Amino acid sequence: MNDTILIVEDEPKIARLVADYLSKSGYASDHIDHGNAVMEWLEENQPMLVLLDLMLPGTDGLTLCRQIRERFPAIPVIMLTARVEEVDRLLGLELGADDYICKPFSPREVVARVKAVLRRSYGIIGTEEAIPEGDRLTLDEDGWRAMAGREDLNLTAVEFQLLKVMMHSPGRIFSRDQLMDHMYRDHRIVSERTVDSHVKKLRRKIADVWPDRDIIRSVYGVGYKYQPEE
């Protein structure tokens, strides 16, 4: 494995923008704009991650994701898609993408998601921008504590689990059903309003410390996401 991120995207402007932001964060990248060239490139170069567009000329992203999983199971794949209806397939056992990002997206969001997947896959954090301690939201997973700067948010166990799930995949939209699966390991039956209530309380506790920051965002008709401020 080398330290390159492969960008598979047929729109040159998007590819250049993502490559520029990855470079600023300390990551090297290569670019392929046609699906038929991907597997041959991977045979000769094994990157540490693939950013893979769903809609490509030649071999499409879904087929490529399946082929990468079969031939190179250790390489993480983040799908880029404008087709929200494909999300379950992308993340499910059928294809097994490690994460997905819906278009249109912020290039900063792409970098944040790349860092999150690399952290999960290899323990790699990458080059981090200096963040003042008072502006950091951090989790003490052993102690089940969330800190906004130096302030303990005093979260309940369910609120902590909710925040933890979203923070591990910044920018990813979680449906209420997905959040319920993570919040309640005993698979109890709860209503979507229960999830909304927990999110409301979590947002209020963050706002008590940072009244001008909106980092837990609702996506109308879909669910919620953790969005680090740019």
Protein backbone atom coordinates (compact mmCIF):
# COMPACT_ATOMS: atom_id res chain seq x y z
CA MET A 1 0.00 0.00 0.00
CA ASN A 2 1.21 3.52 -0.77
CA ASP A 3 0.04 6.79 0.77
CA THR A 4 -1.98 7.90 -2.27
CA ILE A 5 -5.73 8.48 -2.46
CA LEU A 6 -7.25 7.52 -5.80
CA ILE A 7 -9.97 9.88 -7.05
CA VAL A 8 -12.24 8.21 -9.62
CA GLU A 9 -14.38 11.05 -10.99
CA ASP A 10 -15.27 12.00 -14.56
CA GLU A 11 -15.95 15.68 -13.81
CA PRO A 12 -12.53 17.42 -14.01
CA LYS A 13 -13.51 20.44 -11.89
CA ILE A 14 -14.72 18.26 -9.03
CA ALA A 15 -11.64 16.06 -9.20
CA ARG A 16 -9.26 19.04 -9.17
CA LEU A 17 -11.08 20.67 -6.27
CA VAL A 18 -11.01 17.50 -4.16
CA ALA A 19 -7.35 16.90 -5.03
CA ASP A 20 -6.45 20.46 -3.99
CA TYR A 21 -8.14 20.10 -0.60
CA LEU A 22 -6.57 16.69 -0.02
CA SER A 23 -3.17 18.18 -0.84
CA LYS A 24 -3.67 21.00 1.65
CA SER A 25 -4.38 18.36 4.29
CA GLY A 26 -1.20 16.46 3.50
CA TYR A 27 -2.55 13.73 1.19
CA ALA A 28 -1.20 12.81 -2.25
CA SER A 29 -3.74 11.81 -4.87
CA ASP A 30 -4.11 10.35 -8.37
CA HIS A 31 -7.06 10.82 -10.70
CA ILE A 32 -8.83 8.48 -13.11
CA ASP A 33 -11.80 9.71 -15.15
CA HIS A 34 -12.97 6.45 -16.78
CA GLY A 35 -14.28 3.34 -15.09
CA ASN A 36 -12.53 0.94 -17.44
CA ALA A 37 -9.08 2.09 -16.27
CA VAL A 38 -9.58 1.61 -12.53
CA MET A 39 -8.88 -2.08 -11.92
CA GLU A 40 -5.75 -2.09 -14.10
CA TRP A 41 -4.41 0.92 -12.16
CA LEU A 42 -5.16 -0.80 -8.85
CA GLU A 43 -3.25 -3.92 -9.92
CA GLU A 44 -0.10 -1.81 -10.16
CA ASN A 45 -0.79 0.77 -7.43
CA GLN A 46 -2.58 0.00 -4.17
CA PRO A 47 -3.72 3.31 -2.66
CA MET A 48 -4.72 3.75 0.96
CA LEU A 49 -8.26 4.80 -0.08
CA VAL A 50 -10.45 5.14 -3.17
CA LEU A 51 -12.92 7.99 -3.70
CA LEU A 52 -15.27 6.44 -6.23
CA ASP A 53 -17.97 8.24 -8.20
CA LEU A 54 -21.13 6.25 -8.81
CA MET A 55 -21.85 7.49 -12.34
CA LEU A 56 -18.85 6.90 -14.61
CA PRO A 57 -18.25 6.30 -18.30
CA GLY A 58 -17.36 2.67 -18.94
CA THR A 59 -17.57 0.47 -15.84
CA ASP A 60 -19.93 2.10 -13.34
CA GLY A 61 -19.14 2.78 -9.70
CA LEU A 62 -21.37 0.04 -8.30
CA THR A 63 -19.63 -2.61 -10.39
CA LEU A 64 -16.21 -1.20 -9.52
CA CYS A 65 -16.98 -1.19 -5.81
CA ARG A 66 -17.93 -4.85 -6.01
CA GLN A 67 -14.75 -5.67 -7.96
CA ILE A 68 -12.54 -3.74 -5.53
CA ARG A 69 -14.11 -5.56 -2.58
CA GLU A 70 -13.41 -8.93 -4.23
CA ARG A 71 -9.87 -8.19 -5.42
CA PHE A 72 -8.62 -5.66 -2.83
CA PRO A 73 -10.75 -6.12 0.31
CA ALA A 74 -8.39 -4.09 2.54
CA ILE A 75 -8.66 -0.85 0.52
CA PRO A 76 -11.37 1.47 1.94
CA VAL A 77 -13.87 2.87 -0.56
CA ILE A 78 -15.89 6.07 -0.19
CA MET A 79 -18.62 6.43 -2.80
CA LEU A 80 -19.59 9.79 -4.30
CA THR A 81 -23.22 9.77 -5.37
CA ALA A 82 -26.12 11.99 -6.31
CA ARG A 83 -28.48 8.99 -6.15
CA VAL A 84 -29.70 8.84 -2.56
CA GLU A 85 -31.81 5.76 -3.36
CA GLU A 86 -28.58 3.77 -3.82
CA VAL A 87 -27.30 4.47 -0.29
CA ASP A 88 -28.52 1.21 1.28
CA ARG A 89 -26.84 -0.81 -1.47
CA LEU A 90 -23.61 1.16 -1.16
CA LEU A 91 -23.25 0.54 2.56
CA GLY A 92 -24.83 -2.91 2.73
CA LEU A 93 -23.34 -6.35 2.40
CA GLU A 94 -24.03 -6.36 -1.33
CA LEU A 95 -21.29 -3.80 -2.07
CA GLY A 96 -19.74 -2.89 1.27
CA ALA A 97 -18.59 0.69 0.68
CA ASP A 98 -17.00 2.11 3.82
CA ASP A 99 -18.87 5.40 3.53
CA TYR A 100 -20.68 7.57 1.03
CA ILE A 101 -20.94 11.28 0.31
CA CYS A 102 -23.95 12.77 -1.45
CA LYS A 103 -23.48 15.39 -4.16
CA PRO A 104 -23.31 18.33 -4.07
CA PHE A 105 -20.74 18.30 -1.29
CA SER A 106 -18.20 20.57 0.36
CA PRO A 107 -14.58 19.54 -0.36
CA ARG A 108 -13.89 20.11 3.34
CA GLU A 109 -16.54 17.49 4.08
CA VAL A 110 -14.75 15.06 1.76
CA VAL A 111 -11.46 15.60 3.61
CA ALA A 112 -13.19 15.11 6.98
CA ARG A 113 -14.77 11.86 5.81
CA VAL A 114 -11.48 10.63 4.35
CA LYS A 115 -9.78 11.25 7.71
CA ALA A 116 -12.57 9.42 9.55
CA VAL A 117 -12.38 6.34 7.31
CA LEU A 118 -8.57 6.25 7.44
CA ARG A 119 -8.72 6.54 11.21
CA ARG A 120 -11.10 3.57 11.40
CA SER A 121 -9.18 1.51 8.85
CA TYR A 122 -5.54 2.18 9.71
CA GLY A 123 -5.45 4.44 12.73
CA ILE A 124 -4.22 7.25 10.43
CA ILE A 125 -5.30 10.76 11.34
CA GLY A 126 -3.25 12.76 8.84
CA THR A 127 -2.20 16.38 8.98
CA GLU A 128 -4.68 18.21 11.20
CA GLU A 129 -5.24 21.93 11.14
CA ALA A 130 -4.53 23.60 14.47
CA ILE A 131 -7.80 23.95 16.38
CA PRO A 132 -7.86 26.06 19.55
CA GLU A 133 -8.59 23.86 22.56
CA GLY A 134 -11.65 25.91 23.45
CA ASP A 135 -13.19 25.19 20.04
CA ARG A 136 -12.78 21.42 20.12
CA LEU A 137 -15.58 18.93 20.60
CA THR A 138 -13.98 15.80 22.01
CA LEU A 139 -15.19 12.43 23.25
CA ASP A 140 -13.83 10.40 26.14
CA GLU A 141 -15.25 7.05 25.06
CA ASP A 142 -13.95 5.17 28.11
CA GLY A 143 -15.50 7.68 30.49
CA TRP A 144 -18.60 8.34 28.35
CA ARG A 145 -17.98 12.10 28.47
CA ALA A 146 -18.28 14.73 25.76
CA MET A 147 -16.35 17.96 26.13
CA ALA A 148 -17.09 21.22 24.32
CA GLY A 149 -13.75 22.91 24.88
CA ARG A 150 -13.26 22.53 28.63
CA GLU A 151 -16.98 22.21 29.37
CA ASP A 152 -18.51 18.82 30.14
CA LEU A 153 -21.79 18.55 28.21
CA ASN A 154 -23.18 16.14 30.85
CA LEU A 155 -24.78 13.88 28.28
CA THR A 156 -26.94 10.90 29.07
CA ALA A 157 -25.75 7.51 27.80
CA VAL A 158 -28.15 7.69 24.85
CA GLU A 159 -27.12 11.25 23.95
CA PHE A 160 -23.44 10.28 24.14
CA GLN A 161 -23.98 7.29 21.86
CA LEU A 162 -25.93 9.45 19.44
CA LEU A 163 -23.14 12.05 19.26
CA LYS A 164 -20.44 9.37 19.02
CA VAL A 165 -22.07 7.72 16.00
CA MET A 166 -22.40 10.98 14.09
CA MET A 167 -18.93 12.28 15.00
CA HIS A 168 -17.27 9.10 13.72
CA SER A 169 -18.67 9.87 10.23
CA PRO A 170 -18.69 13.67 9.89
CA GLY A 171 -21.01 14.92 7.17
CA ARG A 172 -22.75 11.56 6.73
CA ILE A 173 -26.53 11.74 6.93
CA PHE A 174 -28.03 9.17 9.31
CA SER A 175 -31.68 8.24 9.07
CA ARG A 176 -33.68 8.00 12.27
CA ASP A 177 -33.81 4.21 11.90
CA GLN A 178 -30.01 4.04 11.64
CA LEU A 179 -29.61 6.19 14.73
CA MET A 180 -32.10 4.06 16.67
CA ASP A 181 -30.08 0.93 15.84
CA HIS A 182 -26.98 2.53 17.34
CA MET A 183 -28.70 4.13 20.32
CA TYR A 184 -30.62 1.10 21.51
CA ARG A 185 -28.60 -2.10 21.26
CA ASP A 186 -31.49 -4.16 22.66
CA HIS A 187 -33.52 -3.30 19.52
CA ARG A 188 -36.42 -1.96 21.53
CA ILE A 189 -39.23 -0.38 19.55
CA VAL A 190 -39.19 3.40 19.80
CA SER A 191 -40.79 6.08 17.69
CA GLU A 192 -38.99 8.51 15.41
CA ARG A 193 -40.15 11.27 17.75
CA THR A 194 -37.98 9.72 20.45
CA VAL A 195 -34.90 10.17 18.26
CA ASP A 196 -35.95 13.75 17.49
CA SER A 197 -36.30 14.41 21.21
CA HIS A 198 -32.79 13.12 21.99
CA VAL A 199 -31.31 15.17 19.14
CA LYS A 200 -33.12 18.27 20.38
CA LYS A 201 -31.71 17.81 23.89
CA LEU A 202 -28.21 17.15 22.53
CA ARG A 203 -28.31 20.30 20.40
CA ARG A 204 -29.55 22.34 23.36
CA LYS A 205 -26.65 21.17 25.54
CA ILE A 206 -24.13 22.09 22.83
CA ALA A 207 -25.85 25.47 22.32
CA ASP A 208 -25.57 26.21 26.05
CA VAL A 209 -21.78 26.23 25.58
CA TRP A 210 -21.54 27.37 21.95
CA PRO A 211 -24.69 29.39 21.17
CA ASP A 212 -23.47 30.43 17.71
CA ARG A 213 -22.47 27.01 16.41
CA ASP A 214 -24.72 24.62 14.53
CA ILE A 215 -22.86 21.31 14.28
CA ILE A 216 -25.75 18.84 14.59
CA ARG A 217 -27.89 19.53 11.57
CA SER A 218 -31.22 18.18 10.43
CA VAL A 219 -31.70 17.19 6.79
CA TYR A 220 -35.36 17.56 5.91
CA GLY A 221 -37.05 14.26 5.18
CA VAL A 222 -33.85 12.24 5.70
CA GLY A 223 -32.32 12.52 9.19
CA TYR A 224 -29.37 14.16 10.93
CA LYS A 225 -25.64 14.71 10.49
CA TYR A 226 -22.65 16.03 12.39
CA GLN A 227 -21.14 18.86 10.37
CA PRO A 228 -17.84 20.32 11.62
CA GLU A 229 -17.71 24.03 10.95
CA GLU A 230 -15.60 25.07 7.96
